[in-house]
Amino acid sequence: MSTTNPTFFDTNFVSENQQILLPILEEKKVALFIKREDLIHPIVSGNKFRKLKYNLQEAKKLKKKAVLTFGGAYSNHIAATAVAGKLVGLKTFGIIRGDELGKNLPQTIAENATLKVAQDHGMKFHFISRELYRQKSSFGFIEKMKNKWGDFYLIPEGGTNCLAVDGCQEILTPQDAAFDYVCASVGTGGTLAGLIKSLKKKQKVIGFPALKGNFLSEEIKKYTIKNNNWSLKKDYHFGGYAKYNKELIIFINKFKADTGIQLDPVYTGKMIFGILDLIEKDTFKEGAKILAIHTGGLQGIAGINNLLKQKEEPLINVL
């Protein structure tokens, strides 16, 4: 898909399913495929594309000139919103968690590939403290931002709302009905909700949260009501959001060497690690067919590698 196509969010992109061939899969007689949503776009990839598609269409429909959203310093959503906004002709404003980052912006941008991408694509930043960030959705805060920047279309942190869920319902195709299980990493829950709503009978969704905590189930239920065709595997967050260890980095590099597929350490790396661990533990019956959704987010690797380099630890191989 062209990165300069002005009708970017009017297209219906269908991702290929790539079969994974590994000894453990042959041994356990389980078939694993990865849906290559990461190939949609270099930055606006995977669920970022799906979540933003209808939100940006709505912003244009409402004749908004700008969108505002929220995220941390290494947020894939922040980078994707900036790039997508430029593609469709909307200004973008980012509320970034961590007021210390704004004290020396040139240095922050030099050290943070995610924020550099966002700034290069025209996003204007407003850095706030972690305490104030918890109040970011309040009426008073939003009004202050409107006084600062004028009117805008508001997109929640992580991009999840009803329109985002609608977009994520388009990930699966009729051909994907052949799979017994659909797996996805979980951040704010919007992607999983869309998958749950688009499942066929007898299919199950398994979510792999990248964050610690039990709040995700309630978030997902807001959009899926009475669906009971899903579950969360909460043992593969590696310490929480954006947390990782040497074992995960080694796994990501080995998986890349074995399959040619790049994973990221925040979401997809943890999901695939979890899937293969569950297969090894005989969680799935022989003959099971599993589809894992690659939700992209690969632009964030540069930031993680910068941190690994500072610690003099092995880097994620991106060659």
C-alpha atoms as a PDB file:
ATOM      1  CA  MET A   1       0.000   0.000   0.000  1.00  0.00           C
ATOM      2  CA  SER A   2       1.391   3.385  -0.930  1.00  0.00           C
ATOM      3  CA  THR A   3       2.419   5.629   1.956  1.00  0.00           C
ATOM      4  CA  THR A   4       1.450   8.683  -0.104  1.00  0.00           C
ATOM      5  CA  ASN A   5      -2.051   7.602  -1.073  1.00  0.00           C
ATOM      6  CA  PRO A   6      -4.504  10.317   0.112  1.00  0.00           C
ATOM      7  CA  THR A   7      -7.342   7.746   0.179  1.00  0.00           C
ATOM      8  CA  PHE A   8      -5.349   5.573   2.588  1.00  0.00           C
ATOM      9  CA  PHE A   9      -8.191   5.065   5.053  1.00  0.00           C
ATOM     10  CA  ASP A  10     -10.784   4.429   2.377  1.00  0.00           C
ATOM     11  CA  THR A  11      -9.122   1.174   1.339  1.00  0.00           C
ATOM     12  CA  ASN A  12      -9.994  -2.329   2.543  1.00  0.00           C
ATOM     13  CA  PHE A  13      -6.700  -4.069   3.164  1.00  0.00           C
ATOM     14  CA  VAL A  14      -6.659  -7.874   3.421  1.00  0.00           C
ATOM     15  CA  SER A  15      -3.569  -9.317   5.088  1.00  0.00           C
ATOM     16  CA  GLU A  16      -1.935 -12.603   4.149  1.00  0.00           C
ATOM     17  CA  ASN A  17      -1.730 -15.505   6.589  1.00  0.00           C
ATOM     18  CA  GLN A  18       1.799 -16.895   6.811  1.00  0.00           C
ATOM     19  CA  GLN A  19       2.286 -20.405   8.156  1.00  0.00           C
ATOM     20  CA  ILE A  20       4.969 -20.871  10.802  1.00  0.00           C
ATOM     21  CA  LEU A  21       7.122 -23.965  10.530  1.00  0.00           C
ATOM     22  CA  LEU A  22       8.920 -24.870  13.754  1.00  0.00           C
ATOM     23  CA  PRO A  23       9.880 -28.247  15.310  1.00  0.00           C
ATOM     24  CA  ILE A  24       7.595 -27.735  18.329  1.00  0.00           C
ATOM     25  CA  LEU A  25       4.587 -27.282  16.025  1.00  0.00           C
ATOM     26  CA  GLU A  26       5.365 -30.455  14.120  1.00  0.00           C
ATOM     27  CA  GLU A  27       5.946 -32.356  17.362  1.00  0.00           C
ATOM     28  CA  LYS A  28       2.645 -31.239  18.909  1.00  0.00           C
ATOM     29  CA  LYS A  29       0.742 -31.479  15.607  1.00  0.00           C
ATOM     30  CA  VAL A  30      -0.550 -27.905  15.895  1.00  0.00           C
ATOM     31  CA  ALA A  31      -0.768 -25.485  12.959  1.00  0.00           C
ATOM     32  CA  LEU A  32       0.201 -21.859  13.584  1.00  0.00           C
ATOM     33  CA  PHE A  33      -0.318 -19.011  11.117  1.00  0.00           C
ATOM     34  CA  ILE A  34       0.425 -15.307  11.540  1.00  0.00           C
ATOM     35  CA  LYS A  35      -1.817 -12.711   9.929  1.00  0.00           C
ATOM     36  CA  ARG A  36       0.627 -10.134   8.572  1.00  0.00           C
ATOM     37  CA  GLU A  37      -1.184  -6.951   9.561  1.00  0.00           C
ATOM     38  CA  ASP A  38       2.278  -5.456  10.088  1.00  0.00           C
ATOM     39  CA  LEU A  39       2.630  -5.177   6.296  1.00  0.00           C
ATOM     40  CA  ILE A  40      -0.231  -2.673   5.901  1.00  0.00           C
ATOM     41  CA  HIS A  41       2.066   0.333   6.336  1.00  0.00           C
ATOM     42  CA  PRO A  42       5.534   0.967   7.835  1.00  0.00           C
ATOM     43  CA  ILE A  43       4.143   3.085  10.702  1.00  0.00           C
ATOM     44  CA  VAL A  44       0.315   2.951  10.548  1.00  0.00           C
ATOM     45  CA  SER A  45       0.376  -0.825  10.702  1.00  0.00           C
ATOM     46  CA  GLY A  46      -1.753  -3.550  12.199  1.00  0.00           C
ATOM     47  CA  ASN A  47      -4.358  -2.494  14.720  1.00  0.00           C
ATOM     48  CA  LYS A  48      -3.198   1.133  14.496  1.00  0.00           C
ATOM     49  CA  PHE A  49      -4.552   1.219  10.929  1.00  0.00           C
ATOM     50  CA  ARG A  50      -7.743  -0.564  11.918  1.00  0.00           C
ATOM     51  CA  LYS A  51      -8.438   1.698  14.924  1.00  0.00           C
ATOM     52  CA  LEU A  52      -7.692   4.962  13.145  1.00  0.00           C
ATOM     53  CA  LYS A  53      -9.494   4.215   9.894  1.00  0.00           C
ATOM     54  CA  TYR A  54     -13.055   5.045  10.929  1.00  0.00           C
ATOM     55  CA  ASN A  55     -12.026   7.623  13.527  1.00  0.00           C
ATOM     56  CA  LEU A  56     -10.238   9.715  10.924  1.00  0.00           C
ATOM     57  CA  GLN A  57     -13.105   9.281   8.493  1.00  0.00           C
ATOM     58  CA  GLU A  58     -15.415  10.579  11.240  1.00  0.00           C
ATOM     59  CA  ALA A  59     -13.128  13.542  11.916  1.00  0.00           C
ATOM     60  CA  LYS A  60     -13.252  14.475   8.240  1.00  0.00           C
ATOM     61  CA  LYS A  61     -17.032  13.956   8.145  1.00  0.00           C
ATOM     62  CA  LEU A  62     -17.410  16.361  11.076  1.00  0.00           C
ATOM     63  CA  LYS A  63     -15.177  18.821   9.222  1.00  0.00           C
ATOM     64  CA  LYS A  64     -12.586  18.838  11.992  1.00  0.00           C
ATOM     65  CA  LYS A  65      -9.198  20.279  11.107  1.00  0.00           C
ATOM     66  CA  ALA A  66      -7.246  18.420  13.786  1.00  0.00           C
ATOM     67  CA  VAL A  67      -7.205  15.376  16.058  1.00  0.00           C
ATOM     68  CA  LEU A  68      -5.894  15.130  19.602  1.00  0.00           C
ATOM     69  CA  THR A  69      -4.818  11.960  21.360  1.00  0.00           C
ATOM     70  CA  PHE A  70      -2.700  10.674  24.246  1.00  0.00           C
ATOM     71  CA  GLY A  71       0.230   8.350  24.822  1.00  0.00           C
ATOM     72  CA  GLY A  72       3.554   7.596  26.437  1.00  0.00           C
ATOM     73  CA  ALA A  73       6.945   8.517  25.027  1.00  0.00           C
ATOM     74  CA  TYR A  74       7.208   5.249  23.058  1.00  0.00           C
ATOM     75  CA  SER A  75       3.560   4.930  22.033  1.00  0.00           C
ATOM     76  CA  ASN A  76       2.950   3.292  18.658  1.00  0.00           C
ATOM     77  CA  HIS A  77      -0.423   5.020  18.689  1.00  0.00           C
ATOM     78  CA  ILE A  78       1.161   8.468  18.930  1.00  0.00           C
ATOM     79  CA  ALA A  79       3.453   7.832  15.953  1.00  0.00           C
ATOM     80  CA  ALA A  80       0.672   6.227  13.907  1.00  0.00           C
ATOM     81  CA  THR A  81      -1.763   9.073  14.573  1.00  0.00           C
ATOM     82  CA  ALA A  82       0.795  11.654  13.454  1.00  0.00           C
ATOM     83  CA  VAL A  83       1.576   9.820  10.229  1.00  0.00           C
ATOM     84  CA  ALA A  84      -2.060   8.970   9.469  1.00  0.00           C
ATOM     85  CA  GLY A  85      -3.169  12.514  10.201  1.00  0.00           C
ATOM     86  CA  LYS A  86      -0.697  13.895   7.708  1.00  0.00           C
ATOM     87  CA  LEU A  87      -1.821  11.351   5.113  1.00  0.00           C
ATOM     88  CA  VAL A  88      -5.434  12.498   5.332  1.00  0.00           C
ATOM     89  CA  GLY A  89      -4.758  16.208   5.821  1.00  0.00           C
ATOM     90  CA  LEU A  90      -5.450  16.620   9.545  1.00  0.00           C
ATOM     91  CA  LYS A  91      -3.315  18.417  12.109  1.00  0.00           C
ATOM     92  CA  THR A  92      -2.343  16.252  15.085  1.00  0.00           C
ATOM     93  CA  PHE A  93      -1.812  17.075  18.748  1.00  0.00           C
ATOM     94  CA  GLY A  94      -0.265  14.614  21.201  1.00  0.00           C
ATOM     95  CA  ILE A  95      -0.601  14.757  24.988  1.00  0.00           C
ATOM     96  CA  ILE A  96       2.516  12.944  26.193  1.00  0.00           C
ATOM     97  CA  ARG A  97       2.929  11.389  29.641  1.00  0.00           C
ATOM     98  CA  GLY A  98       6.031  12.753  31.401  1.00  0.00           C
ATOM     99  CA  ASP A  99       6.557  16.497  31.767  1.00  0.00           C
ATOM    100  CA  GLU A 100      10.314  16.015  32.128  1.00  0.00           C
ATOM    101  CA  LEU A 101      10.451  15.100  28.446  1.00  0.00           C
ATOM    102  CA  GLY A 102       9.419  18.597  27.444  1.00  0.00           C
ATOM    103  CA  LYS A 103      12.161  20.390  29.361  1.00  0.00           C
ATOM    104  CA  ASN A 104      14.733  19.775  26.630  1.00  0.00           C
ATOM    105  CA  LEU A 105      12.701  18.839  23.569  1.00  0.00           C
ATOM    106  CA  PRO A 106      15.606  18.740  21.075  1.00  0.00           C
ATOM    107  CA  GLN A 107      17.414  16.213  23.271  1.00  0.00           C
ATOM    108  CA  THR A 108      14.220  14.200  23.806  1.00  0.00           C
ATOM    109  CA  ILE A 109      13.583  14.033  20.065  1.00  0.00           C
ATOM    110  CA  ALA A 110      17.195  13.063  19.381  1.00  0.00           C
ATOM    111  CA  GLU A 111      16.927  10.149  21.814  1.00  0.00           C
ATOM    112  CA  ASN A 112      13.367   9.011  21.026  1.00  0.00           C
ATOM    113  CA  ALA A 113      12.633   7.592  17.570  1.00  0.00           C
ATOM    114  CA  THR A 114       8.878   7.430  18.233  1.00  0.00           C
ATOM    115  CA  LEU A 115       8.492  11.105  19.085  1.00  0.00           C
ATOM    116  CA  LYS A 116      10.823  12.022  16.225  1.00  0.00           C
ATOM    117  CA  VAL A 117       8.553  10.234  13.746  1.00  0.00           C
ATOM    118  CA  ALA A 118       5.545  12.022  15.205  1.00  0.00           C
ATOM    119  CA  GLN A 119       7.224  15.435  15.112  1.00  0.00           C
ATOM    120  CA  ASP A 120       8.551  14.871  11.593  1.00  0.00           C
ATOM    121  CA  HIS A 121       4.945  14.312  10.493  1.00  0.00           C
ATOM    122  CA  GLY A 122       3.705  17.533  12.062  1.00  0.00           C
ATOM    123  CA  MET A 123       2.429  16.493  15.488  1.00  0.00           C
ATOM    124  CA  LYS A 124       2.498  19.191  18.174  1.00  0.00           C
ATOM    125  CA  PHE A 125       3.244  17.947  21.698  1.00  0.00           C
ATOM    126  CA  HIS A 126       2.005  18.890  25.142  1.00  0.00           C
ATOM    127  CA  PHE A 127       3.975  17.152  27.912  1.00  0.00           C
ATOM    128  CA  ILE A 128       2.244  16.687  31.266  1.00  0.00           C
ATOM    129  CA  SER A 129       3.064  15.061  34.593  1.00  0.00           C
ATOM    130  CA  ARG A 130       2.023  11.497  35.299  1.00  0.00           C
ATOM    131  CA  GLU A 131      -0.367  12.790  37.961  1.00  0.00           C
ATOM    132  CA  LEU A 132      -2.091  15.159  35.547  1.00  0.00           C
ATOM    133  CA  TYR A 133      -2.077  12.455  32.871  1.00  0.00           C
ATOM    134  CA  ARG A 134      -4.471  10.441  35.030  1.00  0.00           C
ATOM    135  CA  GLN A 135      -6.941  13.328  34.689  1.00  0.00           C
ATOM    136  CA  LYS A 136      -6.437  13.728  30.935  1.00  0.00           C
ATOM    137  CA  SER A 137     -10.003  12.712  30.020  1.00  0.00           C
ATOM    138  CA  SER A 138     -11.666  15.218  32.361  1.00  0.00           C
ATOM    139  CA  PHE A 139     -13.838  17.965  30.909  1.00  0.00           C
ATOM    140  CA  GLY A 140     -11.610  20.651  32.417  1.00  0.00           C
ATOM    141  CA  PHE A 141      -8.433  19.315  30.845  1.00  0.00           C
ATOM    142  CA  ILE A 142     -10.004  18.881  27.414  1.00  0.00           C
ATOM    143  CA  GLU A 143     -11.335  22.436  27.553  1.00  0.00           C
ATOM    144  CA  LYS A 144      -7.843  23.738  28.360  1.00  0.00           C
ATOM    145  CA  MET A 145      -6.517  21.951  25.295  1.00  0.00           C
ATOM    146  CA  LYS A 146      -9.262  23.490  23.141  1.00  0.00           C
ATOM    147  CA  ASN A 147      -8.294  26.921  24.459  1.00  0.00           C
ATOM    148  CA  LYS A 148      -4.688  26.152  23.559  1.00  0.00           C
ATOM    149  CA  TRP A 149      -5.179  24.629  20.100  1.00  0.00           C
ATOM    150  CA  GLY A 150      -8.753  25.256  19.033  1.00  0.00           C
ATOM    151  CA  ASP A 151     -11.367  22.655  18.140  1.00  0.00           C
ATOM    152  CA  PHE A 152     -10.293  19.062  17.479  1.00  0.00           C
ATOM    153  CA  TYR A 153     -11.551  15.488  17.169  1.00  0.00           C
ATOM    154  CA  LEU A 154     -10.665  13.517  20.300  1.00  0.00           C
ATOM    155  CA  ILE A 155      -9.193  10.007  20.034  1.00  0.00           C
ATOM    156  CA  PRO A 156      -8.662   8.094  23.330  1.00  0.00           C
ATOM    157  CA  GLU A 157      -5.324   6.747  24.503  1.00  0.00           C
ATOM    158  CA  GLY A 158      -4.498   3.671  22.456  1.00  0.00           C
ATOM    159  CA  GLY A 159      -7.236   4.614  19.992  1.00  0.00           C
ATOM    160  CA  THR A 160      -9.936   2.382  21.459  1.00  0.00           C
ATOM    161  CA  ASN A 161     -13.571   3.450  21.089  1.00  0.00           C
ATOM    162  CA  CYS A 162     -16.615   2.101  19.233  1.00  0.00           C
ATOM    163  CA  LEU A 163     -15.280   3.190  15.831  1.00  0.00           C
ATOM    164  CA  ALA A 164     -11.941   1.531  16.573  1.00  0.00           C
ATOM    165  CA  VAL A 165     -13.711  -1.722  17.450  1.00  0.00           C
ATOM    166  CA  ASP A 166     -15.640  -1.480  14.174  1.00  0.00           C
ATOM    167  CA  GLY A 167     -12.332  -1.187  12.325  1.00  0.00           C
ATOM    168  CA  CYS A 168     -10.830  -4.157  14.161  1.00  0.00           C
ATOM    169  CA  GLN A 169     -13.822  -6.284  13.155  1.00  0.00           C
ATOM    170  CA  GLU A 170     -12.417  -6.101   9.620  1.00  0.00           C
ATOM    171  CA  ILE A 171      -9.184  -7.914  10.520  1.00  0.00           C
ATOM    172  CA  LEU A 172     -10.688 -11.366  10.046  1.00  0.00           C
ATOM    173  CA  THR A 173     -11.932 -12.549   6.652  1.00  0.00           C
ATOM    174  CA  PRO A 174     -14.395 -15.327   5.755  1.00  0.00           C
ATOM    175  CA  GLN A 175     -11.426 -17.599   5.005  1.00  0.00           C
ATOM    176  CA  ASP A 176     -10.250 -17.236   8.621  1.00  0.00           C
ATOM    177  CA  ALA A 177     -13.279 -19.225   9.792  1.00  0.00           C
ATOM    178  CA  ALA A 178     -11.125 -22.336   9.312  1.00  0.00           C
ATOM    179  CA  PHE A 179      -9.095 -21.509  12.445  1.00  0.00           C
ATOM    180  CA  ASP A 180     -10.019 -22.856  15.871  1.00  0.00           C
ATOM    181  CA  TYR A 181      -8.280 -20.084  17.802  1.00  0.00           C
ATOM    182  CA  VAL A 182      -7.488 -16.447  17.046  1.00  0.00           C
ATOM    183  CA  CYS A 183      -4.781 -14.885  19.219  1.00  0.00           C
ATOM    184  CA  ALA A 184      -3.854 -11.240  19.714  1.00  0.00           C
ATOM    185  CA  SER A 185      -1.813  -9.114  22.074  1.00  0.00           C
ATOM    186  CA  VAL A 186      -3.853  -6.772  24.263  1.00  0.00           C
ATOM    187  CA  GLY A 187      -3.206  -3.149  25.191  1.00  0.00           C
ATOM    188  CA  THR A 188      -6.431  -1.214  25.673  1.00  0.00           C
ATOM    189  CA  GLY A 189      -8.673  -4.086  24.559  1.00  0.00           C
ATOM    190  CA  GLY A 190     -10.146  -2.593  21.382  1.00  0.00           C
ATOM    191  CA  THR A 191      -8.485  -5.013  18.996  1.00  0.00           C
ATOM    192  CA  LEU A 192      -9.572  -8.046  20.988  1.00  0.00           C
ATOM    193  CA  ALA A 193     -13.132  -6.701  21.197  1.00  0.00           C
ATOM    194  CA  GLY A 194     -13.272  -6.350  17.413  1.00  0.00           C
ATOM    195  CA  LEU A 195     -11.992  -9.888  16.937  1.00  0.00           C
ATOM    196  CA  ILE A 196     -14.478 -11.273  19.456  1.00  0.00           C
ATOM    197  CA  LYS A 197     -17.389  -9.626  17.636  1.00  0.00           C
ATOM    198  CA  SER A 198     -16.292 -10.981  14.249  1.00  0.00           C
ATOM    199  CA  LEU A 199     -15.757 -14.626  15.241  1.00  0.00           C
ATOM    200  CA  LYS A 200     -17.647 -17.515  13.715  1.00  0.00           C
ATOM    201  CA  LYS A 201     -19.306 -20.210  15.805  1.00  0.00           C
ATOM    202  CA  LYS A 202     -16.951 -22.581  17.659  1.00  0.00           C
ATOM    203  CA  GLN A 203     -14.008 -20.193  17.280  1.00  0.00           C
ATOM    204  CA  LYS A 204     -12.244 -18.824  20.374  1.00  0.00           C
ATOM    205  CA  VAL A 205     -10.170 -15.692  20.915  1.00  0.00           C
ATOM    206  CA  ILE A 206      -7.171 -15.719  23.254  1.00  0.00           C
ATOM    207  CA  GLY A 207      -5.753 -12.392  24.359  1.00  0.00           C
ATOM    208  CA  PHE A 208      -2.227 -11.857  25.689  1.00  0.00           C
ATOM    209  CA  PRO A 209      -2.172  -8.670  27.821  1.00  0.00           C
ATOM    210  CA  ALA A 210       0.975  -6.566  27.618  1.00  0.00           C
ATOM    211  CA  LEU A 211       0.034  -4.890  30.924  1.00  0.00           C
ATOM    212  CA  LYS A 212      -0.340  -6.143  34.459  1.00  0.00           C
ATOM    213  CA  GLY A 213      -3.725  -5.850  36.151  1.00  0.00           C
ATOM    214  CA  ASN A 214      -7.258  -7.197  35.933  1.00  0.00           C
ATOM    215  CA  PHE A 215      -9.022  -4.169  34.460  1.00  0.00           C
ATOM    216  CA  LEU A 216      -8.837  -5.356  30.834  1.00  0.00           C
ATOM    217  CA  SER A 217     -11.677  -7.856  31.104  1.00  0.00           C
ATOM    218  CA  GLU A 218     -14.140  -5.129  32.053  1.00  0.00           C
ATOM    219  CA  GLU A 219     -12.889  -2.867  29.247  1.00  0.00           C
ATOM    220  CA  ILE A 220     -13.389  -5.618  26.673  1.00  0.00           C
ATOM    221  CA  LYS A 221     -16.857  -6.433  28.026  1.00  0.00           C
ATOM    222  CA  LYS A 222     -17.956  -2.843  27.342  1.00  0.00           C
ATOM    223  CA  TYR A 223     -17.844  -3.611  23.621  1.00  0.00           C
ATOM    224  CA  THR A 224     -18.699  -7.324  23.509  1.00  0.00           C
ATOM    225  CA  ILE A 225     -21.634  -7.579  25.950  1.00  0.00           C
ATOM    226  CA  LYS A 226     -22.511 -11.281  26.417  1.00  0.00           C
ATOM    227  CA  ASN A 227     -19.851 -12.938  24.283  1.00  0.00           C
ATOM    228  CA  ASN A 228     -18.143 -15.802  26.122  1.00  0.00           C
ATOM    229  CA  ASN A 229     -15.912 -16.951  23.279  1.00  0.00           C
ATOM    230  CA  TRP A 230     -12.717 -15.404  24.636  1.00  0.00           C
ATOM    231  CA  SER A 231     -10.150 -15.589  27.418  1.00  0.00           C
ATOM    232  CA  LEU A 232      -7.018 -13.773  28.577  1.00  0.00           C
ATOM    233  CA  LYS A 233      -3.639 -15.373  29.284  1.00  0.00           C
ATOM    234  CA  LYS A 234      -2.100 -13.051  31.860  1.00  0.00           C
ATOM    235  CA  ASP A 235       1.231 -14.790  32.461  1.00  0.00           C
ATOM    236  CA  TYR A 236       3.182 -13.355  29.537  1.00  0.00           C
ATOM    237  CA  HIS A 237       3.471  -9.615  30.227  1.00  0.00           C
ATOM    238  CA  PHE A 238       7.139  -9.928  31.311  1.00  0.00           C
ATOM    239  CA  GLY A 239       6.653  -7.470  34.152  1.00  0.00           C
ATOM    240  CA  GLY A 240       4.180  -5.054  32.565  1.00  0.00           C
ATOM    241  CA  TYR A 241       3.818  -2.565  29.747  1.00  0.00           C
ATOM    242  CA  ALA A 242       7.063  -2.004  27.822  1.00  0.00           C
ATOM    243  CA  LYS A 243       8.878  -4.302  30.271  1.00  0.00           C
ATOM    244  CA  TYR A 244      11.149  -7.006  28.914  1.00  0.00           C
ATOM    245  CA  ASN A 245      14.079  -9.200  29.855  1.00  0.00           C
ATOM    246  CA  LYS A 246      16.956 -10.957  28.161  1.00  0.00           C
ATOM    247  CA  GLU A 247      14.878 -14.108  27.590  1.00  0.00           C
ATOM    248  CA  LEU A 248      12.312 -12.174  25.553  1.00  0.00           C
ATOM    249  CA  ILE A 249      14.953 -10.398  23.446  1.00  0.00           C
ATOM    250  CA  ILE A 250      16.695 -13.710  22.696  1.00  0.00           C
ATOM    251  CA  PHE A 251      13.331 -15.250  21.764  1.00  0.00           C
ATOM    252  CA  ILE A 252      12.471 -12.407  19.377  1.00  0.00           C
ATOM    253  CA  ASN A 253      15.844 -12.694  17.652  1.00  0.00           C
ATOM    254  CA  LYS A 254      15.597 -16.476  17.324  1.00  0.00           C
ATOM    255  CA  PHE A 255      12.050 -16.279  15.968  1.00  0.00           C
ATOM    256  CA  LYS A 256      13.220 -13.755  13.371  1.00  0.00           C
ATOM    257  CA  ALA A 257      16.095 -16.049  12.370  1.00  0.00           C
ATOM    258  CA  ASP A 258      13.810 -19.104  12.162  1.00  0.00           C
ATOM    259  CA  THR A 259      10.822 -17.529  10.363  1.00  0.00           C
ATOM    260  CA  GLY A 260      11.918 -14.205   8.896  1.00  0.00           C
ATOM    261  CA  ILE A 261       9.160 -12.419  10.848  1.00  0.00           C
ATOM    262  CA  GLN A 262      10.049  -9.419  12.995  1.00  0.00           C
ATOM    263  CA  LEU A 263       8.311  -9.172  16.367  1.00  0.00           C
ATOM    264  CA  ASP A 264       8.311  -6.264  18.799  1.00  0.00           C
ATOM    265  CA  PRO A 265       9.065  -6.564  22.548  1.00  0.00           C
ATOM    266  CA  VAL A 266       5.991  -4.682  23.773  1.00  0.00           C
ATOM    267  CA  TYR A 267       3.175  -6.686  22.162  1.00  0.00           C
ATOM    268  CA  THR A 268       3.733  -9.328  19.474  1.00  0.00           C
ATOM    269  CA  GLY A 269       6.910 -10.794  20.950  1.00  0.00           C
ATOM    270  CA  LYS A 270       5.132 -11.545  24.209  1.00  0.00           C
ATOM    271  CA  MET A 271       2.104 -12.987  22.390  1.00  0.00           C
ATOM    272  CA  ILE A 272       4.091 -15.393  20.217  1.00  0.00           C
ATOM    273  CA  PHE A 273       6.230 -16.403  23.211  1.00  0.00           C
ATOM    274  CA  GLY A 274       3.008 -17.181  25.076  1.00  0.00           C
ATOM    275  CA  ILE A 275       1.427 -19.121  22.214  1.00  0.00           C
ATOM    276  CA  LEU A 276       4.469 -21.353  21.767  1.00  0.00           C
ATOM    277  CA  ASP A 277       4.735 -21.892  25.527  1.00  0.00           C
ATOM    278  CA  LEU A 278       1.076 -22.945  25.681  1.00  0.00           C
ATOM    279  CA  ILE A 279       1.615 -25.306  22.741  1.00  0.00           C
ATOM    280  CA  GLU A 280       4.585 -26.849  24.513  1.00  0.00           C
ATOM    281  CA  LYS A 281       2.408 -27.341  27.605  1.00  0.00           C
ATOM    282  CA  ASP A 282      -0.219 -29.192  25.504  1.00  0.00           C
ATOM    283  CA  THR A 283      -2.879 -26.515  25.993  1.00  0.00           C
ATOM    284  CA  PHE A 284      -4.124 -27.140  22.452  1.00  0.00           C
ATOM    285  CA  LYS A 285      -5.339 -30.462  21.110  1.00  0.00           C
ATOM    286  CA  GLU A 286      -3.632 -32.192  18.215  1.00  0.00           C
ATOM    287  CA  GLY A 287      -4.840 -30.813  14.919  1.00  0.00           C
ATOM    288  CA  ALA A 288      -5.674 -27.378  16.340  1.00  0.00           C
ATOM    289  CA  LYS A 289      -5.327 -24.451  13.934  1.00  0.00           C
ATOM    290  CA  ILE A 290      -4.212 -21.152  15.460  1.00  0.00           C
ATOM    291  CA  LEU A 291      -4.174 -17.721  13.834  1.00  0.00           C
ATOM    292  CA  ALA A 292      -2.049 -15.069  15.560  1.00  0.00           C
ATOM    293  CA  ILE A 293      -2.636 -11.427  14.616  1.00  0.00           C
ATOM    294  CA  HIS A 294       0.547  -9.436  14.012  1.00  0.00           C
ATOM    295  CA  THR A 295      -0.514  -5.982  15.197  1.00  0.00           C
ATOM    296  CA  GLY A 296       2.568  -4.185  13.900  1.00  0.00           C
ATOM    297  CA  GLY A 297       4.201  -1.648  16.196  1.00  0.00           C
ATOM    298  CA  LEU A 298       7.676  -2.371  14.862  1.00  0.00           C
ATOM    299  CA  GLN A 299       8.664   1.307  14.852  1.00  0.00           C
ATOM    300  CA  GLY A 300       8.996   1.041  18.644  1.00  0.00           C
ATOM    301  CA  ILE A 301      11.970  -1.314  18.374  1.00  0.00           C
ATOM    302  CA  ALA A 302      14.354   1.601  17.778  1.00  0.00           C
ATOM    303  CA  GLY A 303      13.503   3.082  21.172  1.00  0.00           C
ATOM    304  CA  ILE A 304      13.911  -0.235  22.970  1.00  0.00           C
ATOM    305  CA  ASN A 305      17.227  -0.843  21.228  1.00  0.00           C
ATOM    306  CA  ASN A 306      18.422   2.568  22.370  1.00  0.00           C
ATOM    307  CA  LEU A 307      17.686   1.582  25.967  1.00  0.00           C
ATOM    308  CA  LEU A 308      19.360  -1.817  25.501  1.00  0.00           C
ATOM    309  CA  LYS A 309      22.433  -0.142  24.040  1.00  0.00           C
ATOM    310  CA  GLN A 310      22.717   2.144  27.066  1.00  0.00           C
ATOM    311  CA  LYS A 311      22.599  -0.921  29.298  1.00  0.00           C
ATOM    312  CA  GLU A 312      25.162  -2.700  27.067  1.00  0.00           C
ATOM    313  CA  GLU A 313      22.727  -5.570  26.551  1.00  0.00           C
ATOM    314  CA  PRO A 314      22.038  -7.567  23.345  1.00  0.00           C
ATOM    315  CA  LEU A 315      19.917  -5.654  20.830  1.00  0.00           C
ATOM    316  CA  ILE A 316      16.848  -6.739  18.883  1.00  0.00           C
ATOM    317  CA  ASN A 317      18.025  -7.796  15.436  1.00  0.00           C
ATOM    318  CA  VAL A 318      16.292  -5.761  12.739  1.00  0.00           C
ATOM    319  CA  LEU A 319      18.540  -6.672   9.800  1.00  0.00           C
END
